């Protein structure tokens, strides 16, 4: 009888720990995780896809605590060579934070020079919709709407590229990127 009570007690504790481990973390953005761009499901206007089949881009969004989110974008070619696309870290509050590509990161490490590119994110109508603004030399060059599916398995990212050159009038092109959550995240 004593042994069965101990076993039942251990099972109750183990089950409660398991349920707590699977409970969602409060206030965590649904964008947190690892995402892979699906070029085949993405659309680009005007023009063809920018990368031939076999190229890949993986994005990782990490909750750094205190409202700070880290984003890393990695590119891979068909031969398997991997390169850093860019790194960003900031809050989803609409304030600009620097975006570092490989050259910017090396220059920052060597000289402390900040990059000319910046990105801001802010949560839009609901936690599944995030708006981003990309800037170079304090001029907006793209606006992005990121929508995470309610099941958390896909992201649709609509990019509006703005061109300020050579005419003063702004021209636009659009991209709709389809990203899928990688297994295990």
N, C-alpha and C. Protein backbone atom coordinates (compact mmCIF):
# COMPACT_ATOMS: atom_id res chain seq x y z
N UNK A 1 0.82 -1.19 0.00
CA UNK A 1 0.00 0.00 0.00
C UNK A 1 0.87 1.26 0.00
N UNK A 2 1.91 1.26 0.84
CA UNK A 2 2.82 2.39 0.94
C UNK A 2 3.53 2.62 -0.40
N UNK A 3 3.96 1.52 -1.02
CA UNK A 3 4.67 1.60 -2.30
C UNK A 3 3.75 2.17 -3.38
N UNK A 4 2.50 1.75 -3.44
CA UNK A 4 1.57 2.23 -4.46
C UNK A 4 1.28 3.72 -4.26
N UNK A 5 1.22 4.19 -3.03
CA UNK A 5 1.01 5.62 -2.77
C UNK A 5 2.20 6.45 -3.26
N UNK A 6 3.39 5.91 -3.08
CA UNK A 6 4.60 6.60 -3.55
C UNK A 6 4.59 6.67 -5.08
N UNK A 7 4.25 5.56 -5.72
CA UNK A 7 4.20 5.52 -7.19
C UNK A 7 3.15 6.50 -7.70
N UNK A 8 1.98 6.53 -7.10
CA UNK A 8 0.92 7.46 -7.51
C UNK A 8 1.39 8.90 -7.30
N UNK A 9 2.02 9.18 -6.19
CA UNK A 9 2.53 10.53 -5.93
C UNK A 9 3.56 10.97 -6.96
N UNK A 10 4.48 10.07 -7.31
CA UNK A 10 5.49 10.38 -8.32
C UNK A 10 4.83 10.61 -9.67
N UNK A 11 3.84 9.81 -10.03
CA UNK A 11 3.13 9.98 -11.30
C UNK A 11 2.40 11.31 -11.35
N UNK A 12 1.77 11.70 -10.26
CA UNK A 12 1.06 12.99 -10.22
C UNK A 12 2.04 14.14 -10.42
N UNK A 13 3.16 14.10 -9.74
CA UNK A 13 4.18 15.15 -9.89
C UNK A 13 4.73 15.17 -11.31
N UNK A 14 5.05 14.00 -11.88
CA UNK A 14 5.58 13.92 -13.24
C UNK A 14 4.58 14.45 -14.25
N UNK A 15 3.31 14.08 -14.11
CA UNK A 15 2.29 14.56 -15.05
C UNK A 15 2.11 16.07 -14.95
N UNK A 16 2.13 16.62 -13.75
CA UNK A 16 1.97 18.07 -13.61
C UNK A 16 3.16 18.81 -14.21
N UNK A 17 4.37 18.26 -14.08
CA UNK A 17 5.55 18.87 -14.68
C UNK A 17 5.46 18.82 -16.19
N UNK A 18 4.98 17.71 -16.73
CA UNK A 18 4.84 17.56 -18.18
C UNK A 18 3.85 18.57 -18.72
N UNK A 19 2.72 18.75 -18.05
CA UNK A 19 1.72 19.72 -18.50
C UNK A 19 2.26 21.13 -18.44
N UNK A 20 3.01 21.47 -17.41
CA UNK A 20 3.59 22.80 -17.30
C UNK A 20 4.63 23.02 -18.39
N UNK A 21 5.39 22.00 -18.73
CA UNK A 21 6.42 22.14 -19.75
C UNK A 21 5.81 22.41 -21.12
N UNK A 22 4.58 21.95 -21.36
CA UNK A 22 3.94 22.15 -22.64
C UNK A 22 3.07 23.39 -22.68
N UNK A 23 2.88 24.05 -21.58
CA UNK A 23 2.05 25.26 -21.54
C UNK A 23 2.76 26.38 -22.29
N UNK A 24 2.01 27.19 -23.04
CA UNK A 24 2.64 28.29 -23.76
C UNK A 24 3.24 29.31 -22.80
N UNK A 25 4.30 29.95 -23.24
CA UNK A 25 4.93 30.98 -22.43
C UNK A 25 4.12 32.26 -22.61
N UNK A 26 3.67 32.89 -21.53
CA UNK A 26 2.85 34.08 -21.67
C UNK A 26 3.58 35.19 -22.40
N UNK A 27 2.84 35.92 -23.24
CA UNK A 27 3.34 37.09 -23.97
C UNK A 27 4.43 36.76 -24.99
N UNK A 28 4.68 35.50 -25.31
CA UNK A 28 5.68 35.19 -26.31
C UNK A 28 5.09 35.40 -27.70
N UNK A 29 5.81 36.08 -28.54
CA UNK A 29 5.35 36.33 -29.91
C UNK A 29 5.31 35.02 -30.69
N UNK A 30 4.28 34.83 -31.52
CA UNK A 30 4.21 33.60 -32.31
C UNK A 30 5.31 33.52 -33.38
N UNK A 31 6.04 34.60 -33.61
CA UNK A 31 7.12 34.57 -34.60
C UNK A 31 8.37 33.89 -34.05
N UNK A 32 8.45 33.70 -32.75
CA UNK A 32 9.62 33.07 -32.13
C UNK A 32 9.77 31.66 -32.68
N UNK A 33 10.96 31.33 -33.15
CA UNK A 33 11.22 29.99 -33.68
C UNK A 33 12.10 30.05 -34.90
N UNK A 34 12.23 28.93 -35.58
CA UNK A 34 13.04 28.82 -36.79
C UNK A 34 12.12 28.65 -37.98
N UNK A 35 12.36 29.45 -39.02
CA UNK A 35 11.50 29.48 -40.20
C UNK A 35 12.34 29.33 -41.46
N UNK A 36 11.85 28.62 -42.44
CA UNK A 36 12.55 28.43 -43.70
C UNK A 36 11.70 29.01 -44.83
N UNK A 37 12.33 29.85 -45.68
CA UNK A 37 11.61 30.45 -46.81
C UNK A 37 11.35 29.35 -47.84
N UNK A 38 10.11 29.27 -48.29
CA UNK A 38 9.72 28.33 -49.35
C UNK A 38 9.62 29.13 -50.64
N UNK A 39 10.67 29.09 -51.47
CA UNK A 39 10.70 29.89 -52.69
C UNK A 39 9.64 29.45 -53.68
N UNK A 40 9.29 28.17 -53.67
CA UNK A 40 8.30 27.65 -54.61
C UNK A 40 6.90 28.22 -54.33
N UNK A 41 6.56 28.49 -53.08
CA UNK A 41 5.25 29.01 -52.72
C UNK A 41 5.24 30.53 -52.66
N UNK A 42 6.40 31.16 -52.82
CA UNK A 42 6.50 32.61 -52.75
C UNK A 42 6.23 33.22 -54.11
N UNK A 43 5.74 34.45 -54.11
CA UNK A 43 5.48 35.17 -55.36
C UNK A 43 6.25 36.48 -55.38
N UNK A 44 6.62 36.92 -56.57
CA UNK A 44 7.40 38.14 -56.74
C UNK A 44 6.80 38.93 -57.88
N UNK A 45 6.58 40.24 -57.67
CA UNK A 45 6.06 41.08 -58.74
C UNK A 45 6.80 42.40 -58.71
N UNK A 46 7.33 42.86 -59.79
CA UNK A 46 7.44 42.14 -61.05
C UNK A 46 8.66 41.22 -61.04
N UNK A 47 8.68 40.31 -61.95
CA UNK A 47 9.88 39.51 -62.15
C UNK A 47 9.86 38.13 -61.56
N UNK A 48 10.88 37.36 -61.92
CA UNK A 48 11.00 35.97 -61.45
C UNK A 48 11.51 35.90 -60.02
N UNK A 49 11.51 34.69 -59.48
CA UNK A 49 12.08 34.47 -58.15
C UNK A 49 13.55 34.88 -58.17
N UNK A 50 14.04 35.50 -57.10
CA UNK A 50 15.41 35.98 -57.11
C UNK A 50 16.46 34.88 -56.99
N UNK A 51 16.07 33.69 -56.55
CA UNK A 51 17.07 32.63 -56.34
C UNK A 51 16.61 31.36 -57.06
N UNK A 52 17.55 30.68 -57.73
CA UNK A 52 17.18 29.42 -58.38
C UNK A 52 16.85 28.35 -57.35
N UNK A 53 16.14 27.32 -57.81
CA UNK A 53 15.77 26.22 -56.91
C UNK A 53 17.02 25.65 -56.26
N UNK A 54 16.91 25.28 -55.02
CA UNK A 54 18.06 24.73 -54.29
C UNK A 54 18.64 25.71 -53.30
N UNK A 55 18.47 27.02 -53.56
CA UNK A 55 18.92 28.00 -52.57
C UNK A 55 17.94 28.01 -51.40
N UNK A 56 18.40 28.42 -50.25
CA UNK A 56 17.54 28.41 -49.08
C UNK A 56 17.87 29.59 -48.19
N UNK A 57 16.85 30.05 -47.46
CA UNK A 57 17.08 31.04 -46.42
C UNK A 57 16.36 30.56 -45.17
N UNK A 58 17.06 30.56 -44.07
CA UNK A 58 16.49 30.19 -42.79
C UNK A 58 16.54 31.41 -41.89
N UNK A 59 15.47 31.64 -41.16
CA UNK A 59 15.40 32.75 -40.22
C UNK A 59 15.14 32.20 -38.83
N UNK A 60 15.81 32.77 -37.87
CA UNK A 60 15.62 32.34 -36.48
C UNK A 60 15.30 33.57 -35.65
N UNK A 61 14.13 33.56 -35.00
CA UNK A 61 13.74 34.64 -34.10
C UNK A 61 13.82 34.09 -32.68
N UNK A 62 14.53 34.81 -31.82
CA UNK A 62 14.80 34.36 -30.46
C UNK A 62 14.32 35.41 -29.48
N UNK A 63 13.60 34.98 -28.45
CA UNK A 63 13.21 35.88 -27.37
C UNK A 63 14.41 36.03 -26.44
N UNK A 64 14.98 37.23 -26.37
CA UNK A 64 16.17 37.49 -25.57
C UNK A 64 15.83 37.97 -24.17
N UNK A 65 14.55 38.07 -23.85
CA UNK A 65 14.14 38.56 -22.54
C UNK A 65 13.93 40.06 -22.53
N UNK A 66 13.15 40.55 -21.59
CA UNK A 66 12.86 41.98 -21.43
C UNK A 66 12.31 42.62 -22.70
N UNK A 67 11.58 41.84 -23.51
CA UNK A 67 10.98 42.37 -24.73
C UNK A 67 11.91 42.46 -25.91
N UNK A 68 13.16 42.01 -25.78
CA UNK A 68 14.13 42.08 -26.86
C UNK A 68 14.05 40.80 -27.70
N UNK A 69 13.98 40.97 -29.00
CA UNK A 69 13.92 39.86 -29.95
C UNK A 69 15.18 39.89 -30.80
N UNK A 70 15.79 38.74 -31.01
CA UNK A 70 16.93 38.63 -31.91
C UNK A 70 16.51 37.92 -33.17
N UNK A 71 16.99 38.38 -34.32
CA UNK A 71 16.67 37.75 -35.61
C UNK A 71 17.97 37.50 -36.36
N UNK A 72 18.14 36.28 -36.84
CA UNK A 72 19.30 35.91 -37.65
C UNK A 72 18.78 35.30 -38.95
N UNK A 73 19.31 35.78 -40.07
CA UNK A 73 18.95 35.22 -41.38
C UNK A 73 20.20 34.60 -41.99
N UNK A 74 20.08 33.32 -42.36
CA UNK A 74 21.19 32.56 -42.94
C UNK A 74 20.79 32.11 -44.34
N UNK A 75 21.69 32.26 -45.30
CA UNK A 75 21.47 31.78 -46.66
C UNK A 75 22.32 30.54 -46.90
N UNK A 76 21.81 29.63 -47.73
CA UNK A 76 22.58 28.44 -48.14
C UNK A 76 22.36 28.23 -49.63
N UNK A 77 23.43 27.88 -50.33
CA UNK A 77 23.30 27.61 -51.77
C UNK A 77 23.17 26.11 -52.01
N UNK A 78 22.90 25.68 -53.26
CA UNK A 78 22.71 24.26 -53.53
C UNK A 78 23.90 23.38 -53.14
N UNK A 79 25.09 23.95 -53.12
CA UNK A 79 26.29 23.18 -52.76
C UNK A 79 26.42 23.02 -51.25
N UNK A 80 25.56 23.72 -50.50
CA UNK A 80 25.59 23.60 -49.04
C UNK A 80 26.40 24.67 -48.36
N UNK A 81 26.96 25.61 -49.12
CA UNK A 81 27.71 26.71 -48.51
C UNK A 81 26.74 27.62 -47.77
N UNK A 82 27.09 27.99 -46.55
CA UNK A 82 26.22 28.80 -45.71
C UNK A 82 26.86 30.17 -45.49
N UNK A 83 26.03 31.21 -45.52
CA UNK A 83 26.52 32.57 -45.29
C UNK A 83 25.51 33.35 -44.48
N UNK A 84 26.02 34.22 -43.62
CA UNK A 84 25.17 35.11 -42.85
C UNK A 84 24.54 36.12 -43.79
N UNK A 85 23.22 36.26 -43.75
CA UNK A 85 22.54 37.29 -44.52
C UNK A 85 22.52 38.57 -43.69
N UNK A 86 21.88 38.51 -42.52
CA UNK A 86 21.92 39.66 -41.63
C UNK A 86 21.46 39.29 -40.23
N UNK A 87 21.75 40.19 -39.28
CA UNK A 87 21.40 40.01 -37.87
C UNK A 87 20.75 41.30 -37.39
N UNK A 88 19.67 41.15 -36.61
CA UNK A 88 18.96 42.29 -36.04
C UNK A 88 18.57 41.95 -34.62
N UNK A 89 18.61 42.91 -33.73
CA UNK A 89 18.14 42.70 -32.37
C UNK A 89 17.49 43.99 -31.88
N UNK A 90 16.26 43.87 -31.41
CA UNK A 90 15.55 45.05 -30.93
C UNK A 90 14.22 44.66 -30.32
N UNK A 91 13.38 45.65 -30.10
CA UNK A 91 12.06 45.42 -29.52
C UNK A 91 11.00 45.61 -30.58
N UNK A 92 9.85 44.96 -30.38
CA UNK A 92 8.72 45.11 -31.30
C UNK A 92 7.91 46.34 -30.92
N UNK A 93 8.58 47.48 -30.82
CA UNK A 93 7.92 48.71 -30.39
C UNK A 93 7.99 49.82 -31.43
N UNK A 94 8.46 49.50 -32.64
CA UNK A 94 8.53 50.48 -33.71
C UNK A 94 9.79 51.31 -33.73
N UNK A 95 10.71 51.10 -32.81
CA UNK A 95 11.96 51.88 -32.81
C UNK A 95 13.01 51.20 -33.68
N UNK A 96 13.80 52.01 -34.38
CA UNK A 96 14.83 51.50 -35.28
C UNK A 96 15.97 50.86 -34.50
N UNK A 97 16.49 49.77 -35.07
CA UNK A 97 17.69 49.12 -34.54
C UNK A 97 18.55 48.73 -35.72
N UNK A 98 19.88 48.76 -35.58
CA UNK A 98 20.75 48.47 -36.72
C UNK A 98 20.62 47.02 -37.22
N UNK A 99 20.79 46.87 -38.54
CA UNK A 99 20.83 45.56 -39.19
C UNK A 99 22.26 45.35 -39.67
N UNK A 100 22.86 44.24 -39.26
CA UNK A 100 24.24 43.94 -39.61
C UNK A 100 24.29 42.82 -40.64
N UNK A 101 24.91 43.09 -41.82
CA UNK A 101 25.26 41.99 -42.72
C UNK A 101 26.70 41.60 -42.40
N UNK A 102 27.28 40.68 -43.15
CA UNK A 102 28.64 40.22 -42.82
C UNK A 102 29.65 41.36 -42.80
N UNK A 103 29.64 42.21 -43.84
CA UNK A 103 30.61 43.31 -43.92
C UNK A 103 30.39 44.32 -42.80
N UNK A 104 29.10 44.64 -42.52
CA UNK A 104 28.80 45.58 -41.44
C UNK A 104 29.27 45.04 -40.10
N UNK A 105 29.06 43.76 -39.88
CA UNK A 105 29.44 43.15 -38.61
C UNK A 105 30.96 43.18 -38.43
N UNK A 106 31.70 42.86 -39.50
CA UNK A 106 33.17 42.92 -39.42
C UNK A 106 33.65 44.35 -39.17
N UNK A 107 33.05 45.32 -39.87
CA UNK A 107 33.44 46.72 -39.67
C UNK A 107 33.13 47.17 -38.25
N UNK A 108 31.99 46.74 -37.72
CA UNK A 108 31.63 47.10 -36.35
C UNK A 108 32.61 46.51 -35.35
N UNK A 109 32.99 45.25 -35.57
CA UNK A 109 33.95 44.61 -34.66
C UNK A 109 35.33 45.25 -34.74
N UNK A 110 35.72 45.69 -35.95
CA UNK A 110 37.05 46.28 -36.13
C UNK A 110 37.11 47.74 -35.72
N UNK A 111 36.06 48.52 -36.04
CA UNK A 111 36.13 49.96 -35.84
C UNK A 111 35.01 50.54 -34.98
N UNK A 112 33.99 49.75 -34.71
CA UNK A 112 32.84 50.26 -33.95
C UNK A 112 31.84 51.01 -34.82
N UNK A 113 32.05 51.01 -36.14
CA UNK A 113 31.15 51.72 -37.05
C UNK A 113 29.80 51.01 -37.13
N UNK A 114 28.72 51.77 -36.95
CA UNK A 114 27.38 51.20 -37.07
C UNK A 114 26.97 51.15 -38.53
N UNK A 115 26.15 50.17 -38.88
CA UNK A 115 25.71 50.07 -40.28
C UNK A 115 24.75 51.19 -40.65
N UNK A 116 24.59 51.41 -41.97
CA UNK A 116 23.68 52.43 -42.46
C UNK A 116 22.25 51.91 -42.53
N UNK A 117 22.07 50.60 -42.38
CA UNK A 117 20.73 50.01 -42.47
C UNK A 117 20.14 49.81 -41.08
N UNK A 118 18.82 50.00 -41.01
CA UNK A 118 18.10 49.82 -39.76
C UNK A 118 16.75 49.17 -40.06
N UNK A 119 16.21 48.51 -39.05
CA UNK A 119 14.90 47.86 -39.18
C UNK A 119 14.13 48.10 -37.89
N UNK A 120 12.83 48.30 -38.03
CA UNK A 120 11.97 48.39 -36.85
C UNK A 120 10.82 47.42 -37.03
N UNK A 121 10.35 46.87 -35.92
CA UNK A 121 9.19 45.99 -35.90
C UNK A 121 8.19 46.54 -34.90
N UNK A 122 6.93 46.34 -35.19
CA UNK A 122 5.89 46.64 -34.20
C UNK A 122 4.74 45.67 -34.42
N UNK A 123 4.09 45.31 -33.33
CA UNK A 123 2.93 44.43 -33.40
C UNK A 123 1.78 45.26 -33.92
N UNK A 124 1.06 44.72 -34.91
CA UNK A 124 -0.05 45.45 -35.53
C UNK A 124 -1.35 45.15 -34.80
N UNK A 125 -2.37 44.75 -35.53
CA UNK A 125 -3.71 44.57 -34.98
C UNK A 125 -3.80 43.47 -33.92
N UNK A 126 -3.01 42.41 -34.08
CA UNK A 126 -3.04 41.29 -33.13
C UNK A 126 -1.64 40.71 -33.05
N UNK A 127 -1.35 39.80 -32.09
CA UNK A 127 0.01 39.30 -31.94
C UNK A 127 0.50 38.48 -33.14
N UNK A 128 -0.40 38.10 -34.06
CA UNK A 128 -0.02 37.31 -35.23
C UNK A 128 0.39 38.19 -36.41
N UNK A 129 0.22 39.50 -36.29
CA UNK A 129 0.55 40.42 -37.38
C UNK A 129 1.60 41.42 -36.89
N UNK A 130 2.71 41.48 -37.61
CA UNK A 130 3.82 42.35 -37.25
C UNK A 130 4.17 43.21 -38.46
N UNK A 131 4.39 44.48 -38.24
CA UNK A 131 4.79 45.38 -39.32
C UNK A 131 6.24 45.78 -39.13
N UNK A 132 6.95 45.84 -40.25
CA UNK A 132 8.37 46.17 -40.21
C UNK A 132 8.66 47.28 -41.21
N UNK A 133 9.62 48.12 -40.87
CA UNK A 133 10.09 49.16 -41.78
C UNK A 133 11.60 49.02 -41.89
N UNK A 134 12.09 48.96 -43.12
CA UNK A 134 13.54 48.87 -43.38
C UNK A 134 14.02 50.20 -43.92
N UNK A 135 15.17 50.65 -43.41
CA UNK A 135 15.72 51.94 -43.82
C UNK A 135 17.20 51.81 -44.18
N UNK A 136 17.63 52.65 -45.10
CA UNK A 136 19.04 52.83 -45.40
C UNK A 136 19.31 54.33 -45.38
N UNK A 137 20.29 54.75 -44.63
CA UNK A 137 20.59 56.18 -44.47
C UNK A 137 19.35 56.96 -44.04
N UNK A 138 18.56 56.41 -43.13
CA UNK A 138 17.35 57.02 -42.58
C UNK A 138 16.22 57.20 -43.59
N UNK A 139 16.32 56.59 -44.78
CA UNK A 139 15.25 56.63 -45.78
C UNK A 139 14.59 55.26 -45.84
N UNK A 140 13.27 55.26 -45.79
CA UNK A 140 12.53 54.00 -45.86
C UNK A 140 12.70 53.40 -47.26
N UNK A 141 13.16 52.14 -47.32
CA UNK A 141 13.29 51.47 -48.61
C UNK A 141 12.37 50.25 -48.74
N UNK A 142 11.73 49.83 -47.64
CA UNK A 142 10.78 48.72 -47.71
C UNK A 142 9.89 48.73 -46.48
N UNK A 143 8.64 48.36 -46.69
CA UNK A 143 7.74 48.09 -45.58
C UNK A 143 7.31 46.63 -45.71
N UNK A 144 7.13 45.99 -44.58
CA UNK A 144 6.85 44.56 -44.58
C UNK A 144 5.71 44.27 -43.60
N UNK A 145 4.77 43.44 -44.04
CA UNK A 145 3.73 42.94 -43.14
C UNK A 145 3.97 41.45 -42.98
N UNK A 146 4.15 41.01 -41.74
CA UNK A 146 4.43 39.62 -41.42
C UNK A 146 3.20 39.07 -40.69
N UNK A 147 2.61 37.98 -41.24
CA UNK A 147 1.44 37.38 -40.61
C UNK A 147 1.76 35.91 -40.31
N UNK A 148 1.70 35.56 -39.03
CA UNK A 148 1.89 34.17 -38.60
C UNK A 148 0.52 33.51 -38.60
N UNK A 149 0.42 32.32 -39.20
CA UNK A 149 -0.85 31.60 -39.21
C UNK A 149 -1.28 31.29 -37.79
N UNK A 150 -2.57 31.16 -37.57
CA UNK A 150 -3.10 30.90 -36.23
C UNK A 150 -2.58 29.57 -35.67
N UNK A 151 -2.27 28.59 -36.56
CA UNK A 151 -1.72 27.32 -36.08
C UNK A 151 -0.21 27.39 -35.86
N UNK A 152 0.41 28.54 -36.19
CA UNK A 152 1.83 28.74 -35.93
C UNK A 152 2.76 27.97 -36.85
N UNK A 153 2.26 27.47 -37.99
CA UNK A 153 3.09 26.66 -38.87
C UNK A 153 3.65 27.42 -40.07
N UNK A 154 3.03 28.53 -40.44
CA UNK A 154 3.51 29.28 -41.60
C UNK A 154 3.49 30.78 -41.32
N UNK A 155 4.32 31.48 -42.08
CA UNK A 155 4.34 32.94 -42.08
C UNK A 155 4.15 33.39 -43.52
N UNK A 156 3.31 34.39 -43.71
CA UNK A 156 3.23 35.05 -45.00
C UNK A 156 3.79 36.45 -44.80
N UNK A 157 4.81 36.78 -45.55
CA UNK A 157 5.49 38.06 -45.42
C UNK A 157 5.29 38.83 -46.72
N UNK A 158 4.59 39.96 -46.64
CA UNK A 158 4.36 40.78 -47.82
C UNK A 158 5.31 41.97 -47.76
N UNK A 159 6.18 42.07 -48.76
CA UNK A 159 7.22 43.10 -48.80
C UNK A 159 6.85 44.12 -49.87
N UNK A 160 6.87 45.36 -49.51
CA UNK A 160 6.67 46.45 -50.46
C UNK A 160 7.98 47.21 -50.56
N UNK A 161 8.67 47.02 -51.69
CA UNK A 161 9.96 47.69 -51.91
C UNK A 161 9.71 49.07 -52.48
N UNK A 162 10.38 50.06 -51.93
CA UNK A 162 10.24 51.44 -52.38
C UNK A 162 11.52 51.88 -53.05
N UNK A 163 11.40 52.52 -54.19
CA UNK A 163 12.57 53.00 -54.89
C UNK A 163 12.49 54.52 -54.97
N UNK A 164 13.52 55.18 -54.48
CA UNK A 164 13.56 56.64 -54.51
C UNK A 164 14.48 57.15 -55.62
N UNK A 165 14.99 56.24 -56.44
CA UNK A 165 15.95 56.64 -57.48
C UNK A 165 15.48 56.13 -58.82
N UNK A 166 15.77 56.79 -59.94
CA UNK A 166 16.32 58.14 -60.04
C UNK A 166 15.26 59.22 -59.92
N UNK A 167 13.99 58.89 -60.20
CA UNK A 167 12.93 59.90 -60.16
C UNK A 167 12.50 60.16 -58.72
N UNK A 168 12.03 61.36 -58.43
CA UNK A 168 11.57 61.64 -57.08
C UNK A 168 10.31 60.84 -56.72
N UNK A 169 9.52 60.45 -57.72
CA UNK A 169 8.32 59.66 -57.43
C UNK A 169 8.73 58.27 -56.96
N UNK A 170 7.97 57.72 -56.06
CA UNK A 170 8.28 56.40 -55.50
C UNK A 170 7.65 55.32 -56.36
N UNK A 171 8.46 54.34 -56.77
CA UNK A 171 7.92 53.19 -57.47
C UNK A 171 7.94 52.01 -56.51
N UNK A 172 7.10 51.04 -56.77
CA UNK A 172 7.02 49.92 -55.85
C UNK A 172 7.10 48.59 -56.59
N UNK A 173 7.54 47.59 -55.89
CA UNK A 173 7.41 46.21 -56.34
C UNK A 173 7.03 45.41 -55.10
N UNK A 174 6.41 44.28 -55.30
CA UNK A 174 5.90 43.52 -54.17
C UNK A 174 6.42 42.09 -54.18
N UNK A 175 6.58 41.53 -52.99
CA UNK A 175 6.95 40.13 -52.81
C UNK A 175 6.02 39.56 -51.75
N UNK A 176 5.60 38.33 -51.94
CA UNK A 176 4.88 37.62 -50.89
C UNK A 176 5.68 36.37 -50.60
N UNK A 177 6.42 36.38 -49.49
CA UNK A 177 7.25 35.25 -49.11
C UNK A 177 6.46 34.30 -48.23
N UNK A 178 6.65 33.02 -48.46
CA UNK A 178 5.99 31.97 -47.67
C UNK A 178 7.06 31.28 -46.85
N UNK A 179 6.92 31.30 -45.53
CA UNK A 179 7.88 30.67 -44.64
C UNK A 179 7.19 29.58 -43.85
N UNK A 180 7.89 28.47 -43.64
CA UNK A 180 7.36 27.36 -42.87
C UNK A 180 8.18 27.14 -41.63
N UNK A 181 7.53 26.79 -40.55
CA UNK A 181 8.23 26.49 -39.31
C UNK A 181 9.00 25.19 -39.48
N UNK A 182 10.25 25.17 -39.00
CA UNK A 182 11.03 23.95 -39.07
C UNK A 182 10.63 23.02 -37.95
N UNK A 183 10.68 21.73 -38.20
CA UNK A 183 10.28 20.74 -37.20
C UNK A 183 11.14 20.89 -35.95
N UNK A 184 10.51 20.68 -34.83
CA UNK A 184 11.24 20.72 -33.58
C UNK A 184 11.33 22.08 -32.94
N UNK A 185 10.70 23.10 -33.54
CA UNK A 185 10.75 24.42 -32.92
C UNK A 185 9.38 24.83 -32.47
